[in-house]
């Protein structure tokens, strides 16, 4: 049961309240399936739009000056998917480490640190 729910707290709950935890697990499973069935198409389409949007910016990179490019980049970021935003700081710090400029790193939240460790 803890493998399905992904939480030791649910396993502890299952030992104390087996019927209620079974209903809880079934509810999580149903809503998880609904989320997987409905949401991926939206996310895939949104991520593909982001790829095209940033691809167009890369194509214009050599023809624009820095302020114009910054304006287009800011406009592009307005419609980014929600999954992208927490990754920006992690990706920035990764590049900072690659170019050996650790003083330019920005502070990360605990979740961003976890994402950075997994990446």
C-alpha atoms as a PDB file:
ATOM      1  CA  UNK A   1       0.000   0.000   0.000  1.00  0.00           C
ATOM      2  CA  UNK A   2       2.840   2.408   0.794  1.00  0.00           C
ATOM      3  CA  UNK A   3       4.370   1.755  -2.633  1.00  0.00           C
ATOM      4  CA  UNK A   4       1.142   2.739  -4.358  1.00  0.00           C
ATOM      5  CA  UNK A   5       0.631   5.839  -2.276  1.00  0.00           C
ATOM      6  CA  UNK A   6       4.295   6.769  -2.208  1.00  0.00           C
ATOM      7  CA  UNK A   7       4.224   7.724   1.438  1.00  0.00           C
ATOM      8  CA  UNK A   8       5.201   6.068   4.674  1.00  0.00           C
ATOM      9  CA  UNK A   9       2.553   8.200   6.375  1.00  0.00           C
ATOM     10  CA  UNK A  10      -0.145   6.387   4.397  1.00  0.00           C
ATOM     11  CA  UNK A  11       1.420   3.052   5.348  1.00  0.00           C
ATOM     12  CA  UNK A  12       1.275   4.044   9.009  1.00  0.00           C
ATOM     13  CA  UNK A  13      -2.316   5.141   8.573  1.00  0.00           C
ATOM     14  CA  UNK A  14      -3.106   1.831   6.865  1.00  0.00           C
ATOM     15  CA  UNK A  15      -1.912  -0.107   9.899  1.00  0.00           C
ATOM     16  CA  UNK A  16      -4.189   1.870  12.212  1.00  0.00           C
ATOM     17  CA  UNK A  17      -7.204   2.487   9.973  1.00  0.00           C
ATOM     18  CA  UNK A  18      -7.199  -0.110   7.196  1.00  0.00           C
ATOM     19  CA  UNK A  19     -10.685   0.584   5.784  1.00  0.00           C
ATOM     20  CA  UNK A  20     -10.343   4.362   5.729  1.00  0.00           C
ATOM     21  CA  UNK A  21      -6.855   4.190   4.248  1.00  0.00           C
ATOM     22  CA  UNK A  22      -8.096   1.848   1.505  1.00  0.00           C
ATOM     23  CA  UNK A  23     -10.734   4.427   0.580  1.00  0.00           C
ATOM     24  CA  UNK A  24      -8.093   7.150   0.685  1.00  0.00           C
ATOM     25  CA  UNK A  25      -5.841   5.107  -1.599  1.00  0.00           C
ATOM     26  CA  UNK A  26      -8.692   4.436  -4.011  1.00  0.00           C
ATOM     27  CA  UNK A  27      -9.550   8.142  -4.100  1.00  0.00           C
ATOM     28  CA  UNK A  28      -5.927   9.083  -4.822  1.00  0.00           C
ATOM     29  CA  UNK A  29      -5.751   6.439  -7.537  1.00  0.00           C
ATOM     30  CA  UNK A  30      -8.929   7.633  -9.256  1.00  0.00           C
ATOM     31  CA  UNK A  31      -7.927  11.304  -9.192  1.00  0.00           C
ATOM     32  CA  UNK A  32      -4.402  10.399 -10.288  1.00  0.00           C
ATOM     33  CA  UNK A  33      -5.781   8.505 -13.276  1.00  0.00           C
ATOM     34  CA  UNK A  34      -8.094  11.373 -14.171  1.00  0.00           C
ATOM     35  CA  UNK A  35      -5.202  13.830 -13.977  1.00  0.00           C
ATOM     36  CA  UNK A  36      -3.033  11.603 -16.178  1.00  0.00           C
ATOM     37  CA  UNK A  37      -5.830  11.141 -18.682  1.00  0.00           C
ATOM     38  CA  UNK A  38      -6.810  14.806 -19.012  1.00  0.00           C
ATOM     39  CA  UNK A  39      -3.728  16.899 -18.365  1.00  0.00           C
ATOM     40  CA  UNK A  40      -0.886  15.461 -20.487  1.00  0.00           C
ATOM     41  CA  UNK A  41      -2.280  16.688 -23.792  1.00  0.00           C
ATOM     42  CA  UNK A  42      -2.481  20.242 -22.455  1.00  0.00           C
ATOM     43  CA  UNK A  43       1.015  20.100 -21.019  1.00  0.00           C
ATOM     44  CA  UNK A  44       2.520  18.585 -24.134  1.00  0.00           C
ATOM     45  CA  UNK A  45       0.929  21.257 -26.328  1.00  0.00           C
ATOM     46  CA  UNK A  46       2.019  24.019 -23.980  1.00  0.00           C
ATOM     47  CA  UNK A  47       5.603  22.726 -23.797  1.00  0.00           C
ATOM     48  CA  UNK A  48       5.787  22.401 -27.579  1.00  0.00           C
ATOM     49  CA  UNK A  49       4.604  25.995 -27.918  1.00  0.00           C
ATOM     50  CA  UNK A  50       7.365  27.062 -25.515  1.00  0.00           C
ATOM     51  CA  UNK A  51       9.970  25.188 -27.577  1.00  0.00           C
ATOM     52  CA  UNK A  52       8.805  26.930 -30.763  1.00  0.00           C
ATOM     53  CA  UNK A  53       8.692  30.307 -29.020  1.00  0.00           C
ATOM     54  CA  UNK A  54      12.245  30.056 -27.693  1.00  0.00           C
ATOM     55  CA  UNK A  55      13.442  28.555 -30.985  1.00  0.00           C
ATOM     56  CA  UNK A  56      12.202  31.694 -32.735  1.00  0.00           C
ATOM     57  CA  UNK A  57      14.115  33.825 -30.230  1.00  0.00           C
ATOM     58  CA  UNK A  58      17.308  31.858 -30.854  1.00  0.00           C
ATOM     59  CA  UNK A  59      16.863  32.399 -34.585  1.00  0.00           C
ATOM     60  CA  UNK A  60      16.647  36.176 -33.976  1.00  0.00           C
ATOM     61  CA  UNK A  61      19.613  36.218 -31.595  1.00  0.00           C
ATOM     62  CA  UNK A  62      22.143  37.631 -34.071  1.00  0.00           C
ATOM     63  CA  UNK A  63      19.838  40.254 -35.554  1.00  0.00           C
ATOM     64  CA  UNK A  64      18.695  41.983 -32.348  1.00  0.00           C
ATOM     65  CA  UNK A  65      20.461  44.210 -29.882  1.00  0.00           C
ATOM     66  CA  UNK A  66      20.456  43.362 -26.161  1.00  0.00           C
ATOM     67  CA  UNK A  67      17.503  45.580 -25.062  1.00  0.00           C
ATOM     68  CA  UNK A  68      15.250  44.320 -27.863  1.00  0.00           C
ATOM     69  CA  UNK A  69      16.199  40.722 -27.133  1.00  0.00           C
ATOM     70  CA  UNK A  70      15.536  41.243 -23.420  1.00  0.00           C
ATOM     71  CA  UNK A  71      12.089  42.660 -24.200  1.00  0.00           C
ATOM     72  CA  UNK A  72      11.212  39.674 -26.399  1.00  0.00           C
ATOM     73  CA  UNK A  73      12.533  37.291 -23.751  1.00  0.00           C
ATOM     74  CA  UNK A  74      10.428  38.961 -21.047  1.00  0.00           C
ATOM     75  CA  UNK A  75       7.350  38.715 -23.288  1.00  0.00           C
ATOM     76  CA  UNK A  76       8.057  35.043 -23.975  1.00  0.00           C
ATOM     77  CA  UNK A  77       8.353  34.284 -20.265  1.00  0.00           C
ATOM     78  CA  UNK A  78       4.862  35.632 -19.599  1.00  0.00           C
ATOM     79  CA  UNK A  79       3.265  32.588 -21.188  1.00  0.00           C
ATOM     80  CA  UNK A  80       5.676  29.890 -19.973  1.00  0.00           C
ATOM     81  CA  UNK A  81       4.255  26.753 -18.481  1.00  0.00           C
ATOM     82  CA  UNK A  82       4.160  26.597 -14.693  1.00  0.00           C
ATOM     83  CA  UNK A  83       6.703  23.768 -14.677  1.00  0.00           C
ATOM     84  CA  UNK A  84       9.385  25.975 -16.238  1.00  0.00           C
ATOM     85  CA  UNK A  85       9.542  28.776 -13.691  1.00  0.00           C
ATOM     86  CA  UNK A  86      11.129  26.885 -10.743  1.00  0.00           C
ATOM     87  CA  UNK A  87      13.775  25.493 -13.109  1.00  0.00           C
ATOM     88  CA  UNK A  88      15.138  28.878 -14.197  1.00  0.00           C
ATOM     89  CA  UNK A  89      17.267  29.526 -11.131  1.00  0.00           C
ATOM     90  CA  UNK A  90      18.494  25.928 -11.080  1.00  0.00           C
ATOM     91  CA  UNK A  91      19.528  26.109 -14.735  1.00  0.00           C
ATOM     92  CA  UNK A  92      21.191  29.490 -14.190  1.00  0.00           C
ATOM     93  CA  UNK A  93      23.230  28.176 -11.272  1.00  0.00           C
ATOM     94  CA  UNK A  94      24.199  25.138 -13.330  1.00  0.00           C
ATOM     95  CA  UNK A  95      25.570  27.383 -16.072  1.00  0.00           C
ATOM     96  CA  UNK A  96      27.349  29.520 -13.468  1.00  0.00           C
ATOM     97  CA  UNK A  97      29.100  26.408 -12.156  1.00  0.00           C
ATOM     98  CA  UNK A  98      30.035  25.291 -15.670  1.00  0.00           C
ATOM     99  CA  UNK A  99      31.713  28.613 -16.484  1.00  0.00           C
ATOM    100  CA  UNK A 100      33.439  28.628 -13.063  1.00  0.00           C
ATOM    101  CA  UNK A 101      31.792  31.755 -11.668  1.00  0.00           C
ATOM    102  CA  UNK A 102      30.384  30.575  -8.300  1.00  0.00           C
ATOM    103  CA  UNK A 103      30.033  34.157  -7.014  1.00  0.00           C
ATOM    104  CA  UNK A 104      27.284  34.802  -9.580  1.00  0.00           C
ATOM    105  CA  UNK A 105      25.062  31.988  -8.251  1.00  0.00           C
ATOM    106  CA  UNK A 106      21.677  32.948  -6.866  1.00  0.00           C
ATOM    107  CA  UNK A 107      20.128  31.471  -3.696  1.00  0.00           C
ATOM    108  CA  UNK A 108      17.787  28.537  -4.256  1.00  0.00           C
ATOM    109  CA  UNK A 109      14.726  27.426  -2.345  1.00  0.00           C
ATOM    110  CA  UNK A 110      14.836  23.952  -0.761  1.00  0.00           C
ATOM    111  CA  UNK A 111      12.709  22.551  -3.616  1.00  0.00           C
ATOM    112  CA  UNK A 112      15.015  24.090  -6.206  1.00  0.00           C
ATOM    113  CA  UNK A 113      18.018  22.596  -4.403  1.00  0.00           C
ATOM    114  CA  UNK A 114      16.358  19.203  -4.603  1.00  0.00           C
ATOM    115  CA  UNK A 115      15.656  19.691  -8.312  1.00  0.00           C
ATOM    116  CA  UNK A 116      19.283  20.707  -8.832  1.00  0.00           C
ATOM    117  CA  UNK A 117      20.519  17.628  -7.011  1.00  0.00           C
ATOM    118  CA  UNK A 118      18.284  15.369  -9.109  1.00  0.00           C
ATOM    119  CA  UNK A 119      19.360  17.065 -12.326  1.00  0.00           C
END
